[in-house]
C-alpha cells in the first residue's frame, strides 16, 4: 500500500476527521488491525490566514508546494 501524504492544519478538527475516515476505510477494506500508512504535515493556519488576508497568493502557493515537497521527501 502506498503512503498517503496529508496536509492538515487548515483546521485541526478537519485534519482529525480526514485521518479518522481514511483509517476507517482501510480497516473496513482490509480488516483486523490494519491502518493507513500516512504522513501528516500540520500547518499553522494563522500563517495561512495571514497570507490570505494580505492577498499574498504566490507566497501561499509556494508555501503549500513546499509542504507537499516535504511530504514527498518523507515518503508520501
PDB file of N, CA and C in Angstrom:
ATOM      1  N   UNK A   1       0.845  -1.169   0.000  1.00  0.00           N
ATOM      2  CA  UNK A   1       0.000   0.000   0.000  1.00  0.00           C
ATOM      3  C   UNK A   1       0.897   1.241   0.000  1.00  0.00           C
ATOM      4  N   UNK A   2       0.536   2.230  -0.790  1.00  0.00           N
ATOM      5  CA  UNK A   2       1.297   3.474  -0.853  1.00  0.00           C
ATOM      6  C   UNK A   2       1.060   4.311   0.401  1.00  0.00           C
ATOM      7  N   UNK A   3       2.057   5.108   0.739  1.00  0.00           N
ATOM      8  CA  UNK A   3       1.936   6.021   1.869  1.00  0.00           C
ATOM      9  C   UNK A   3       1.227   7.290   1.417  1.00  0.00           C
ATOM     10  N   UNK A   4       0.213   7.672   2.155  1.00  0.00           N
ATOM     11  CA  UNK A   4      -0.571   8.865   1.853  1.00  0.00           C
ATOM     12  C   UNK A   4       0.093  10.070   2.512  1.00  0.00           C
ATOM     13  N   UNK A   5       0.159  11.176   1.789  1.00  0.00           N
ATOM     14  CA  UNK A   5       0.606  12.441   2.363  1.00  0.00           C
ATOM     15  C   UNK A   5      -0.601  13.341   2.547  1.00  0.00           C
ATOM     16  N   UNK A   6      -0.756  13.877   3.730  1.00  0.00           N
ATOM     17  CA  UNK A   6      -1.923  14.697   4.040  1.00  0.00           C
ATOM     18  C   UNK A   6      -1.466  16.030   4.619  1.00  0.00           C
ATOM     19  N   UNK A   7      -1.889  17.122   3.982  1.00  0.00           N
ATOM     20  CA  UNK A   7      -1.625  18.452   4.526  1.00  0.00           C
ATOM     21  C   UNK A   7      -2.793  18.802   5.432  1.00  0.00           C
ATOM     22  N   UNK A   8      -2.509  18.924   6.697  1.00  0.00           N
ATOM     23  CA  UNK A   8      -3.537  19.238   7.673  1.00  0.00           C
ATOM     24  C   UNK A   8      -3.287  20.596   8.294  1.00  0.00           C
ATOM     25  N   UNK A   9      -4.136  20.956   9.208  1.00  0.00           N
ATOM     26  CA  UNK A   9      -3.954  22.185   9.951  1.00  0.00           C
ATOM     27  C   UNK A   9      -4.783  23.352   9.453  1.00  0.00           C
ATOM     28  N   UNK A  10      -5.479  23.154   8.325  1.00  0.00           N
ATOM     29  CA  UNK A  10      -6.366  24.229   7.888  1.00  0.00           C
ATOM     30  C   UNK A  10      -7.402  24.457   8.982  1.00  0.00           C
ATOM     31  N   UNK A  11      -7.696  23.386   9.668  1.00  0.00           N
ATOM     32  CA  UNK A  11      -8.299  23.381  10.998  1.00  0.00           C
ATOM     33  C   UNK A  11      -7.954  22.010  11.556  1.00  0.00           C
ATOM     34  N   UNK A  12      -7.528  21.961  12.800  1.00  0.00           N
ATOM     35  CA  UNK A  12      -7.149  20.660  13.334  1.00  0.00           C
ATOM     36  C   UNK A  12      -8.346  19.720  13.383  1.00  0.00           C
ATOM     37  N   UNK A  13      -9.546  20.303  13.484  1.00  0.00           N
ATOM     38  CA  UNK A  13     -10.748  19.463  13.530  1.00  0.00           C
ATOM     39  C   UNK A  13     -10.951  18.720  12.215  1.00  0.00           C
ATOM     40  N   UNK A  14     -10.766  19.404  11.097  1.00  0.00           N
ATOM     41  CA  UNK A  14     -10.938  18.723   9.811  1.00  0.00           C
ATOM     42  C   UNK A  14      -9.814  17.722   9.584  1.00  0.00           C
ATOM     43  N   UNK A  15      -8.611  18.037  10.046  1.00  0.00           N
ATOM     44  CA  UNK A  15      -7.496  17.091   9.915  1.00  0.00           C
ATOM     45  C   UNK A  15      -7.811  15.804  10.665  1.00  0.00           C
ATOM     46  N   UNK A  16      -8.375  15.938  11.842  1.00  0.00           N
ATOM     47  CA  UNK A  16      -8.773  14.779  12.636  1.00  0.00           C
ATOM     48  C   UNK A  16      -9.801  13.944  11.882  1.00  0.00           C
ATOM     49  N   UNK A  17     -10.772  14.612  11.286  1.00  0.00           N
ATOM     50  CA  UNK A  17     -11.821  13.915  10.540  1.00  0.00           C
ATOM     51  C   UNK A  17     -11.241  13.158   9.353  1.00  0.00           C
ATOM     52  N   UNK A  18     -10.362  13.820   8.580  1.00  0.00           N
ATOM     53  CA  UNK A  18      -9.736  13.141   7.436  1.00  0.00           C
ATOM     54  C   UNK A  18      -8.955  11.924   7.895  1.00  0.00           C
ATOM     55  N   UNK A  19      -8.135  12.081   8.927  1.00  0.00           N
ATOM     56  CA  UNK A  19      -7.322  10.988   9.447  1.00  0.00           C
ATOM     57  C   UNK A  19      -8.203   9.816   9.879  1.00  0.00           C
ATOM     58  N   UNK A  20      -9.257  10.136  10.590  1.00  0.00           N
ATOM     59  CA  UNK A  20     -10.163   9.100  11.084  1.00  0.00           C
ATOM     60  C   UNK A  20     -10.860   8.376   9.930  1.00  0.00           C
ATOM     61  N   UNK A  21     -11.364   9.122   8.976  1.00  0.00           N
ATOM     62  CA  UNK A  21     -12.099   8.496   7.866  1.00  0.00           C
ATOM     63  C   UNK A  21     -11.198   7.648   6.980  1.00  0.00           C
ATOM     64  N   UNK A  22     -10.001   8.132   6.725  1.00  0.00           N
ATOM     65  CA  UNK A  22      -9.058   7.343   5.922  1.00  0.00           C
ATOM     66  C   UNK A  22      -8.791   6.013   6.610  1.00  0.00           C
ATOM     67  N   UNK A  23      -8.518   6.052   7.900  1.00  0.00           N
ATOM     68  CA  UNK A  23      -8.218   4.817   8.625  1.00  0.00           C
ATOM     69  C   UNK A  23      -9.436   3.919   8.787  1.00  0.00           C
ATOM     70  N   UNK A  24     -10.612   4.487   8.910  1.00  0.00           N
ATOM     71  CA  UNK A  24     -11.826   3.670   8.959  1.00  0.00           C
ATOM     72  C   UNK A  24     -12.019   2.919   7.645  1.00  0.00           C
ATOM     73  N   UNK A  25     -11.753   3.578   6.531  1.00  0.00           N
ATOM     74  CA  UNK A  25     -11.888   2.927   5.224  1.00  0.00           C
ATOM     75  C   UNK A  25     -10.884   1.784   5.075  1.00  0.00           C
ATOM     76  N   UNK A  26      -9.663   2.001   5.508  1.00  0.00           N
ATOM     77  CA  UNK A  26      -8.653   0.941   5.433  1.00  0.00           C
ATOM     78  C   UNK A  26      -9.071  -0.240   6.294  1.00  0.00           C
ATOM     79  N   UNK A  27      -9.523   0.034   7.499  1.00  0.00           N
ATOM     80  CA  UNK A  27      -9.960  -1.045   8.390  1.00  0.00           C
ATOM     81  C   UNK A  27     -11.136  -1.803   7.788  1.00  0.00           C
ATOM     82  N   UNK A  28     -12.078  -1.067   7.183  1.00  0.00           N
ATOM     83  CA  UNK A  28     -13.239  -1.704   6.569  1.00  0.00           C
ATOM     84  C   UNK A  28     -12.812  -2.593   5.399  1.00  0.00           C
ATOM     85  N   UNK A  29     -11.873  -2.130   4.596  1.00  0.00           N
ATOM     86  CA  UNK A  29     -11.449  -2.883   3.410  1.00  0.00           C
ATOM     87  C   UNK A  29     -10.532  -4.050   3.745  1.00  0.00           C
ATOM     88  N   UNK A  30      -9.625  -3.851   4.722  1.00  0.00           N
ATOM     89  CA  UNK A  30      -8.609  -4.862   4.998  1.00  0.00           C
ATOM     90  C   UNK A  30      -8.861  -5.643   6.276  1.00  0.00           C
ATOM     91  N   UNK A  31      -9.665  -5.067   7.175  1.00  0.00           N
ATOM     92  CA  UNK A  31      -9.997  -5.762   8.410  1.00  0.00           C
ATOM     93  C   UNK A  31      -8.879  -5.745   9.445  1.00  0.00           C
ATOM     94  N   UNK A  32      -9.169  -6.393  10.541  1.00  0.00           N
ATOM     95  CA  UNK A  32      -8.180  -6.557  11.598  1.00  0.00           C
ATOM     96  C   UNK A  32      -7.640  -5.250  12.140  1.00  0.00           C
ATOM     97  N   UNK A  33      -6.345  -5.217  12.303  1.00  0.00           N
ATOM     98  CA  UNK A  33      -5.667  -4.067  12.895  1.00  0.00           C
ATOM     99  C   UNK A  33      -5.037  -3.156  11.853  1.00  0.00           C
ATOM    100  N   UNK A  34      -5.435  -3.317  10.592  1.00  0.00           N
ATOM    101  CA  UNK A  34      -4.845  -2.505   9.525  1.00  0.00           C
ATOM    102  C   UNK A  34      -5.199  -1.027   9.679  1.00  0.00           C
ATOM    103  N   UNK A  35      -4.241  -0.194   9.313  1.00  0.00           N
ATOM    104  CA  UNK A  35      -4.449   1.254   9.251  1.00  0.00           C
ATOM    105  C   UNK A  35      -3.635   1.792   8.086  1.00  0.00           C
ATOM    106  N   UNK A  36      -3.899   3.025   7.727  1.00  0.00           N
ATOM    107  CA  UNK A  36      -3.255   3.621   6.557  1.00  0.00           C
ATOM    108  C   UNK A  36      -1.833   4.063   6.878  1.00  0.00           C
ATOM    109  N   UNK A  37      -0.879   3.700   5.996  1.00  0.00           N
ATOM    110  CA  UNK A  37       0.429   4.334   6.112  1.00  0.00           C
ATOM    111  C   UNK A  37       0.249   5.787   5.680  1.00  0.00           C
ATOM    112  N   UNK A  38       0.488   6.704   6.569  1.00  0.00           N
ATOM    113  CA  UNK A  38       0.111   8.091   6.334  1.00  0.00           C
ATOM    114  C   UNK A  38       1.105   9.032   7.007  1.00  0.00           C
ATOM    115  N   UNK A  39       1.472  10.089   6.285  1.00  0.00           N
ATOM    116  CA  UNK A  39       2.309  11.144   6.850  1.00  0.00           C
ATOM    117  C   UNK A  39       1.476  12.415   6.858  1.00  0.00           C
ATOM    118  N   UNK A  40       1.327  12.987   8.033  1.00  0.00           N
ATOM    119  CA  UNK A  40       0.520  14.195   8.205  1.00  0.00           C
ATOM    120  C   UNK A  40       1.436  15.380   8.471  1.00  0.00           C
ATOM    121  N   UNK A  41       1.316  16.405   7.663  1.00  0.00           N
ATOM    122  CA  UNK A  41       2.032  17.666   7.884  1.00  0.00           C
ATOM    123  C   UNK A  41       0.975  18.682   8.280  1.00  0.00           C
ATOM    124  N   UNK A  42       0.996  19.074   9.532  1.00  0.00           N
ATOM    125  CA  UNK A  42       0.003  20.017  10.033  1.00  0.00           C
ATOM    126  C   UNK A  42       0.579  21.426   9.999  1.00  0.00           C
ATOM    127  N   UNK A  43      -0.031  22.288   9.216  1.00  0.00           N
ATOM    128  CA  UNK A  43       0.429  23.669   9.088  1.00  0.00           C
ATOM    129  C   UNK A  43      -0.214  24.524  10.180  1.00  0.00           C
ATOM    130  N   UNK A  44       0.403  25.667  10.431  1.00  0.00           N
ATOM    131  CA  UNK A  44      -0.162  26.645  11.362  1.00  0.00           C
ATOM    132  C   UNK A  44      -1.125  27.519  10.560  1.00  0.00           C
ATOM    133  N   UNK A  45      -2.411  27.361  10.797  1.00  0.00           N
ATOM    134  CA  UNK A  45      -3.390  28.070   9.978  1.00  0.00           C
ATOM    135  C   UNK A  45      -3.291  29.577  10.128  1.00  0.00           C
ATOM    136  N   UNK A  46      -2.774  30.070  11.243  1.00  0.00           N
ATOM    137  CA  UNK A  46      -2.620  31.521  11.405  1.00  0.00           C
ATOM    138  C   UNK A  46      -1.729  32.084  10.300  1.00  0.00           C
ATOM    139  N   UNK A  47      -0.695  31.333   9.930  1.00  0.00           N
ATOM    140  CA  UNK A  47       0.193  31.762   8.842  1.00  0.00           C
ATOM    141  C   UNK A  47      -0.562  31.780   7.508  1.00  0.00           C
ATOM    142  N   UNK A  48      -1.344  30.745   7.262  1.00  0.00           N
ATOM    143  CA  UNK A  48      -2.148  30.660   6.035  1.00  0.00           C
ATOM    144  C   UNK A  48      -3.125  31.836   5.975  1.00  0.00           C
ATOM    145  N   UNK A  49      -3.826  32.072   7.071  1.00  0.00           N
ATOM    146  CA  UNK A  49      -4.824  33.145   7.116  1.00  0.00           C
ATOM    147  C   UNK A  49      -4.185  34.511   6.890  1.00  0.00           C
ATOM    148  N   UNK A  50      -2.986  34.706   7.436  1.00  0.00           N
ATOM    149  CA  UNK A  50      -2.293  35.984   7.240  1.00  0.00           C
ATOM    150  C   UNK A  50      -1.963  36.204   5.763  1.00  0.00           C
ATOM    151  N   UNK A  51      -1.465  35.163   5.104  1.00  0.00           N
ATOM    152  CA  UNK A  51      -1.162  35.275   3.674  1.00  0.00           C
ATOM    153  C   UNK A  51      -2.432  35.545   2.869  1.00  0.00           C
ATOM    154  N   UNK A  52      -3.521  34.880   3.224  1.00  0.00           N
ATOM    155  CA  UNK A  52      -4.795  35.124   2.544  1.00  0.00           C
ATOM    156  C   UNK A  52      -5.251  36.562   2.761  1.00  0.00           C
ATOM    157  N   UNK A  53      -5.197  37.011   4.000  1.00  0.00           N
ATOM    158  CA  UNK A  53      -5.632  38.369   4.340  1.00  0.00           C
ATOM    159  C   UNK A  53      -4.835  39.418   3.566  1.00  0.00           C
ATOM    160  N   UNK A  54      -3.540  39.137   3.371  1.00  0.00           N
ATOM    161  CA  UNK A  54      -2.664  40.064   2.655  1.00  0.00           C
ATOM    162  C   UNK A  54      -2.700  39.869   1.139  1.00  0.00           C
ATOM    163  N   UNK A  55      -3.585  38.979   0.676  1.00  0.00           N
ATOM    164  CA  UNK A  55      -3.672  38.655  -0.756  1.00  0.00           C
ATOM    165  C   UNK A  55      -2.327  38.248  -1.338  1.00  0.00           C
ATOM    166  N   UNK A  56      -1.528  37.567  -0.537  1.00  0.00           N
ATOM    167  CA  UNK A  56      -0.215  37.107  -0.982  1.00  0.00           C
ATOM    168  C   UNK A  56      -0.334  35.667  -1.477  1.00  0.00           C
ATOM    169  N   UNK A  57      -1.031  35.526  -2.583  1.00  0.00           N
ATOM    170  CA  UNK A  57      -1.370  34.205  -3.107  1.00  0.00           C
ATOM    171  C   UNK A  57      -0.143  33.450  -3.602  1.00  0.00           C
ATOM    172  N   UNK A  58       0.839  34.161  -4.140  1.00  0.00           N
ATOM    173  CA  UNK A  58       2.032  33.478  -4.627  1.00  0.00           C
ATOM    174  C   UNK A  58       2.828  32.878  -3.471  1.00  0.00           C
ATOM    175  N   UNK A  59       2.985  33.639  -2.394  1.00  0.00           N
ATOM    176  CA  UNK A  59       3.708  33.103  -1.239  1.00  0.00           C
ATOM    177  C   UNK A  59       2.942  31.935  -0.622  1.00  0.00           C
ATOM    178  N   UNK A  60       1.626  32.034  -0.607  1.00  0.00           N
ATOM    179  CA  UNK A  60       0.811  30.939  -0.091  1.00  0.00           C
ATOM    180  C   UNK A  60       0.988  29.692  -0.949  1.00  0.00           C
ATOM    181  N   UNK A  61       0.941  29.871  -2.264  1.00  0.00           N
ATOM    182  CA  UNK A  61       1.132  28.736  -3.175  1.00  0.00           C
ATOM    183  C   UNK A  61       2.517  28.127  -2.989  1.00  0.00           C
ATOM    184  N   UNK A  62       3.529  28.969  -2.872  1.00  0.00           N
ATOM    185  CA  UNK A  62       4.895  28.478  -2.673  1.00  0.00           C
ATOM    186  C   UNK A  62       5.016  27.706  -1.363  1.00  0.00           C
ATOM    187  N   UNK A  63       4.385  28.233  -0.320  1.00  0.00           N
ATOM    188  CA  UNK A  63       4.435  27.572   0.982  1.00  0.00           C
ATOM    189  C   UNK A  63       3.774  26.191   0.929  1.00  0.00           C
ATOM    190  N   UNK A  64       2.579  26.133   0.368  1.00  0.00           N
ATOM    191  CA  UNK A  64       1.877  24.848   0.298  1.00  0.00           C
ATOM    192  C   UNK A  64       2.610  23.864  -0.606  1.00  0.00           C
ATOM    193  N   UNK A  65       3.224  24.366  -1.676  1.00  0.00           N
ATOM    194  CA  UNK A  65       4.025  23.498  -2.542  1.00  0.00           C
ATOM    195  C   UNK A  65       5.214  22.930  -1.769  1.00  0.00           C
ATOM    196  N   UNK A  66       5.838  23.757  -0.939  1.00  0.00           N
ATOM    197  CA  UNK A  66       6.981  23.269  -0.154  1.00  0.00           C
ATOM    198  C   UNK A  66       6.537  22.224   0.871  1.00  0.00           C
ATOM    199  N   UNK A  67       5.350  22.398   1.413  1.00  0.00           N
ATOM    200  CA  UNK A  67       4.806  21.393   2.332  1.00  0.00           C
ATOM    201  C   UNK A  67       4.596  20.075   1.586  1.00  0.00           C
ATOM    202  N   UNK A  68       4.027  20.157   0.390  1.00  0.00           N
ATOM    203  CA  UNK A  68       3.841  18.957  -0.422  1.00  0.00           C
ATOM    204  C   UNK A  68       5.163  18.278  -0.753  1.00  0.00           C
ATOM    205  N   UNK A  69       6.177  19.073  -1.065  1.00  0.00           N
ATOM    206  CA  UNK A  69       7.504  18.520  -1.349  1.00  0.00           C
ATOM    207  C   UNK A  69       8.086  17.843  -0.114  1.00  0.00           C
ATOM    208  N   UNK A  70       7.851  18.421   1.051  1.00  0.00           N
ATOM    209  CA  UNK A  70       8.321  17.807   2.300  1.00  0.00           C
ATOM    210  C   UNK A  70       7.670  16.445   2.515  1.00  0.00           C
ATOM    211  N   UNK A  71       6.383  16.361   2.231  1.00  0.00           N
ATOM    212  CA  UNK A  71       5.686  15.076   2.352  1.00  0.00           C
ATOM    213  C   UNK A  71       6.259  14.055   1.377  1.00  0.00           C
ATOM    214  N   UNK A  72       6.525  14.508   0.164  1.00  0.00           N
ATOM    215  CA  UNK A  72       7.088  13.609  -0.846  1.00  0.00           C
ATOM    216  C   UNK A  72       8.468  13.110  -0.411  1.00  0.00           C
ATOM    217  N   UNK A  73       9.301  14.010   0.088  1.00  0.00           N
ATOM    218  CA  UNK A  73      10.639  13.619   0.552  1.00  0.00           C
ATOM    219  C   UNK A  73      10.568  12.658   1.732  1.00  0.00           C
ATOM    220  N   UNK A  74       9.505  12.779   2.513  1.00  0.00           N
ATOM    221  CA  UNK A  74       9.324  11.901   3.674  1.00  0.00           C
ATOM    222  C   UNK A  74       8.792  10.522   3.284  1.00  0.00           C
ATOM    223  N   UNK A  75       8.418  10.372   2.016  1.00  0.00           N
ATOM    224  CA  UNK A  75       7.982   9.057   1.559  1.00  0.00           C
ATOM    225  C   UNK A  75       6.538   8.949   1.128  1.00  0.00           C
ATOM    226  N   UNK A  76       5.831  10.046   1.113  1.00  0.00           N
ATOM    227  CA  UNK A  76       4.423  10.010   0.686  1.00  0.00           C
ATOM    228  C   UNK A  76       4.337  10.105  -0.827  1.00  0.00           C
TER     229      UNK A  76
END
